[in-house]
Amino acid sequence: MIWDSDFEQKVILIVIDKGVMALILLFAGIFANYLLEKFKSEQSLDAELSKLRVNKIGECFGIHSKYGKLLNGFIDALNEYRNSTMNDEQIIEKLSPKIKELKESKKEVELITASHRFWLGDEIYEEALRFNKTFPNFCDVFHKGNFKRCVELKMNMEKEMLDVDEVMRMIRRKIKKSKKGK
């Protein structure tokens, strides 16, 4: 049987054409798999960093909460003593240990806020600093015996806490937006 050279060339062209097409599809598949794995690893890293950030923010707010409870206890005791027959010097003497405890807690708050600055981000960090700045005024006012002003400063601190709550709502909105975007 004599092969038609024209037919032979067509078969060779078809084989080469299909081989080139298979190679192109193979490389496209490998490249798509590479991109998919890269995307998965980035997503995994983002998820782990987000978990770590949430834990660090939780630690920071846990310390802030402990400090807030101490401060509330102090103000309650101050109000109780003010309504009693004690004079200012007796009140200061009676509450000095609580002020010392508050100062220690305040140092802990400042330390954790500074050490977690990266995890808190600029907005939350600025809010925490603003809240922390009211405490020195509070101690000075207390030691001067201006107890009414102590209560006013405490109310201002609570107002600052509401601003921190607003930052937390903002974070939740950002998280929702980022989930919708992905």
Foldseek 3Di string as FASTA:
>chain_A
DDDDVVVVVVVVVVVVVVVVVVVVVVVVVVVVVVVVVVVVVVVVVVVVLVVVLVVLVVVLVVLVVVLLVLLVVLLVLLVVVVPDPDDLVVSCVVCVVSLVVSVVSLVVNVVSLVVCVVSCDDPLSVLSVVLSVLVVVLVVCSVVSVSVVNVVSSVVSVVSVVVSVVVVVVVVVVVVVVVVVD
